[in-house]
């Protein structure tokens, strides 16, 4: 097999590994895909020691390795969050909810843990979860301050209250399609 075919094979292995990790996080797979991850790392190591003279192939290899490294960081953070109990697995599509570490504070009566209502005085937890979700997705967090998030939430809160004619609003921080999302919805 030539270098081009090997790199395309590596790319397909990384894509498969990504799918298997997502399935593991969603509890479709019972075990972490460690064997496939080891095989992928061996293949990366094999080509890191070879001298590739074709610039386009070398660029593609470096891009694939960079993508793999960012996935690896995400997987490691998520596995750590699962071990520490800060990650809530959901079965709805590709969404993953983040929950802040347990503290001495008690949730408001009737509020889901990790999903505070907008009228709760503490938007800090929502802000922290949103920033952490953006970091997990390698999205920039510059310019996102507590104040800007609070203003945005209040603005959309009013729209949701008018549209659904309710004051009982819920904030949800989740990851969908590799992007951090903040949803403001009426509580059911």
Protein backbone atom coordinates (compact mmCIF):
# COMPACT_ATOMS: atom_id res chain seq x y z
CA UNK A 1 0.00 0.00 0.00
CA UNK A 2 1.23 3.48 -0.83
CA UNK A 3 1.42 6.44 1.52
CA UNK A 4 -1.78 7.96 0.12
CA UNK A 5 -3.79 4.77 0.70
CA UNK A 6 -2.32 4.35 4.20
CA UNK A 7 -3.31 7.89 5.15
CA UNK A 8 -6.82 7.38 3.78
CA UNK A 9 -7.00 4.17 5.83
CA UNK A 10 -5.85 6.12 8.91
CA UNK A 11 -8.54 8.73 8.27
CA UNK A 12 -11.23 6.04 8.06
CA UNK A 13 -9.95 4.45 11.31
CA UNK A 14 -10.17 7.81 13.10
CA UNK A 15 -13.70 8.35 11.79
CA UNK A 16 -14.69 4.88 13.04
CA UNK A 17 -13.02 5.55 16.39
CA UNK A 18 -14.96 8.80 16.75
CA UNK A 19 -18.24 6.98 16.09
CA UNK A 20 -17.39 4.24 18.58
CA UNK A 21 -16.49 6.74 21.31
CA UNK A 22 -19.77 8.59 20.77
CA UNK A 23 -21.58 5.25 21.00
CA UNK A 24 -19.67 4.47 24.19
CA UNK A 25 -20.62 7.84 25.70
CA UNK A 26 -24.27 7.18 24.80
CA UNK A 27 -24.09 3.68 26.34
CA UNK A 28 -24.61 1.89 23.04
CA UNK A 29 -21.20 0.22 23.47
CA UNK A 30 -20.41 -1.23 26.87
CA UNK A 31 -16.63 -0.81 26.65
CA UNK A 32 -14.33 1.96 25.58
CA UNK A 33 -12.86 1.24 22.09
CA UNK A 34 -9.31 0.95 23.48
CA UNK A 35 -8.13 -1.66 20.94
CA UNK A 36 -9.10 0.49 17.96
CA UNK A 37 -7.51 3.52 19.66
CA UNK A 38 -4.23 1.59 20.13
CA UNK A 39 -4.25 0.47 16.49
CA UNK A 40 -4.83 4.07 15.38
CA UNK A 41 -2.01 5.40 17.56
CA UNK A 42 0.37 2.74 16.20
CA UNK A 43 -0.48 3.76 12.65
CA UNK A 44 0.08 7.44 13.52
CA UNK A 45 3.41 6.57 15.14
CA UNK A 46 4.44 4.55 12.08
CA UNK A 47 3.99 7.54 9.77
CA UNK A 48 5.44 10.06 12.20
CA UNK A 49 8.82 8.33 11.78
CA UNK A 50 8.64 8.11 7.97
CA UNK A 51 9.88 10.81 5.66
CA UNK A 52 7.02 11.72 3.34
CA UNK A 53 8.23 13.85 0.43
CA UNK A 54 4.88 14.58 -1.19
CA UNK A 55 3.69 17.88 0.30
CA UNK A 56 -0.02 17.28 -0.19
CA UNK A 57 0.15 13.86 1.49
CA UNK A 58 2.23 15.27 4.33
CA UNK A 59 -0.27 18.12 4.81
CA UNK A 60 -3.19 15.70 4.83
CA UNK A 61 -1.40 13.46 7.35
CA UNK A 62 -0.67 16.42 9.65
CA UNK A 63 -4.30 17.57 9.41
CA UNK A 64 -5.58 14.11 10.28
CA UNK A 65 -3.20 13.83 13.24
CA UNK A 66 -4.24 17.29 14.50
CA UNK A 67 -7.92 16.28 14.28
CA UNK A 68 -7.16 13.02 16.09
CA UNK A 69 -5.33 14.89 18.87
CA UNK A 70 -8.30 17.22 19.39
CA UNK A 71 -10.66 14.21 19.52
CA UNK A 72 -8.30 12.52 21.98
CA UNK A 73 -8.40 15.56 24.28
CA UNK A 74 -12.20 15.62 24.11
CA UNK A 75 -12.43 11.89 24.85
CA UNK A 76 -10.04 12.20 27.79
CA UNK A 77 -12.01 15.13 29.27
CA UNK A 78 -15.29 13.30 28.80
CA UNK A 79 -13.96 10.09 30.35
CA UNK A 80 -12.66 12.09 33.31
CA UNK A 81 -16.04 13.82 33.66
CA UNK A 82 -17.77 10.42 33.62
CA UNK A 83 -15.42 9.10 36.30
CA UNK A 84 -15.99 12.18 38.46
CA UNK A 85 -19.75 12.05 37.98
CA UNK A 86 -19.97 15.41 36.20
CA UNK A 87 -21.23 14.00 32.91
CA UNK A 88 -24.84 12.99 32.40
CA UNK A 89 -25.42 10.55 29.57
CA UNK A 90 -28.56 11.08 27.55
CA UNK A 91 -30.16 8.95 24.89
CA UNK A 92 -31.72 11.75 22.84
CA UNK A 93 -29.88 11.98 19.53
CA UNK A 94 -26.34 13.35 19.78
CA UNK A 95 -26.98 15.55 22.80
CA UNK A 96 -24.85 15.30 25.91
CA UNK A 97 -25.72 17.24 29.04
CA UNK A 98 -23.10 18.63 31.36
CA UNK A 99 -23.71 18.87 35.09
CA UNK A 100 -21.66 21.04 37.45
CA UNK A 101 -19.78 19.40 40.31
CA UNK A 102 -21.86 18.73 43.41
CA UNK A 103 -21.83 21.59 45.91
CA UNK A 104 -23.54 22.43 49.18
CA UNK A 105 -26.24 24.36 47.31
CA UNK A 106 -29.61 22.72 46.96
CA UNK A 107 -31.56 22.97 43.69
CA UNK A 108 -34.77 24.96 43.69
CA UNK A 109 -37.86 22.83 44.42
CA UNK A 110 -38.98 21.13 41.23
CA UNK A 111 -35.87 22.08 39.27
CA UNK A 112 -33.82 19.35 37.65
CA UNK A 113 -30.29 19.11 38.97
CA UNK A 114 -27.96 20.67 36.41
CA UNK A 115 -30.83 22.46 34.67
CA UNK A 116 -31.64 25.58 36.65
CA UNK A 117 -34.57 27.79 35.83
CA UNK A 118 -33.79 31.25 34.52
CA UNK A 119 -35.42 32.86 37.53
CA UNK A 120 -32.93 31.09 39.82
CA UNK A 121 -30.61 33.83 41.04
CA UNK A 122 -27.53 31.78 40.19
CA UNK A 123 -26.71 31.87 36.49
CA UNK A 124 -23.10 31.10 37.38
CA UNK A 125 -23.59 27.34 37.01
CA UNK A 126 -25.12 27.77 33.56
CA UNK A 127 -22.24 30.04 32.55
CA UNK A 128 -19.63 27.55 33.80
CA UNK A 129 -21.29 24.62 32.03
CA UNK A 130 -21.60 26.61 28.81
CA UNK A 131 -17.94 27.66 28.86
CA UNK A 132 -16.85 24.07 29.64
CA UNK A 133 -19.02 22.75 26.79
CA UNK A 134 -17.45 25.27 24.38
CA UNK A 135 -13.98 24.22 25.50
CA UNK A 136 -14.86 20.55 25.02
CA UNK A 137 -15.90 21.36 21.45
CA UNK A 138 -12.78 23.48 20.85
CA UNK A 139 -14.92 26.57 20.32
CA UNK A 140 -13.59 30.01 21.31
CA UNK A 141 -14.67 31.41 24.67
CA UNK A 142 -13.21 34.89 24.24
CA UNK A 143 -15.74 37.65 24.74
CA UNK A 144 -18.25 35.44 26.56
CA UNK A 145 -18.66 36.99 29.96
CA UNK A 146 -21.20 36.34 32.68
CA UNK A 147 -22.84 39.70 31.91
CA UNK A 148 -23.17 39.09 28.16
CA UNK A 149 -24.62 35.63 28.76
CA UNK A 150 -27.05 37.02 31.33
CA UNK A 151 -28.22 39.76 28.93
CA UNK A 152 -28.69 37.25 26.13
CA UNK A 153 -30.60 34.88 28.40
CA UNK A 154 -32.90 37.67 29.60
CA UNK A 155 -33.55 38.79 26.02
CA UNK A 156 -34.49 35.31 24.83
CA UNK A 157 -36.33 34.56 28.07
CA UNK A 158 -38.79 37.35 27.28
CA UNK A 159 -39.35 35.99 23.77
CA UNK A 160 -39.97 32.45 25.05
CA UNK A 161 -42.32 33.74 27.78
CA UNK A 162 -44.36 35.67 25.20
CA UNK A 163 -44.41 32.86 22.66
CA UNK A 164 -45.44 30.11 25.11
CA UNK A 165 -47.29 32.31 27.59
CA UNK A 166 -45.43 30.94 30.62
CA UNK A 167 -43.01 32.16 33.28
CA UNK A 168 -41.65 28.69 34.01
CA UNK A 169 -38.48 28.67 31.86
CA UNK A 170 -35.61 26.19 31.80
CA UNK A 171 -32.00 26.57 30.62
CA UNK A 172 -30.22 23.61 29.05
CA UNK A 173 -26.55 23.40 28.15
CA UNK A 174 -25.76 20.55 25.77
CA UNK A 175 -23.52 19.48 22.92
CA UNK A 176 -25.03 18.69 19.54
CA UNK A 177 -23.18 17.99 16.32
CA UNK A 178 -19.91 18.95 18.00
CA UNK A 179 -21.11 22.41 19.06
CA UNK A 180 -22.04 23.79 22.46
CA UNK A 181 -25.67 24.89 22.66
CA UNK A 182 -27.67 26.83 25.20
CA UNK A 183 -31.42 26.29 24.96
CA UNK A 184 -34.09 28.37 26.69
CA UNK A 185 -37.32 26.40 26.76
CA UNK A 186 -40.59 26.41 28.65
CA UNK A 187 -40.58 23.80 31.38
CA UNK A 188 -42.96 20.93 30.71
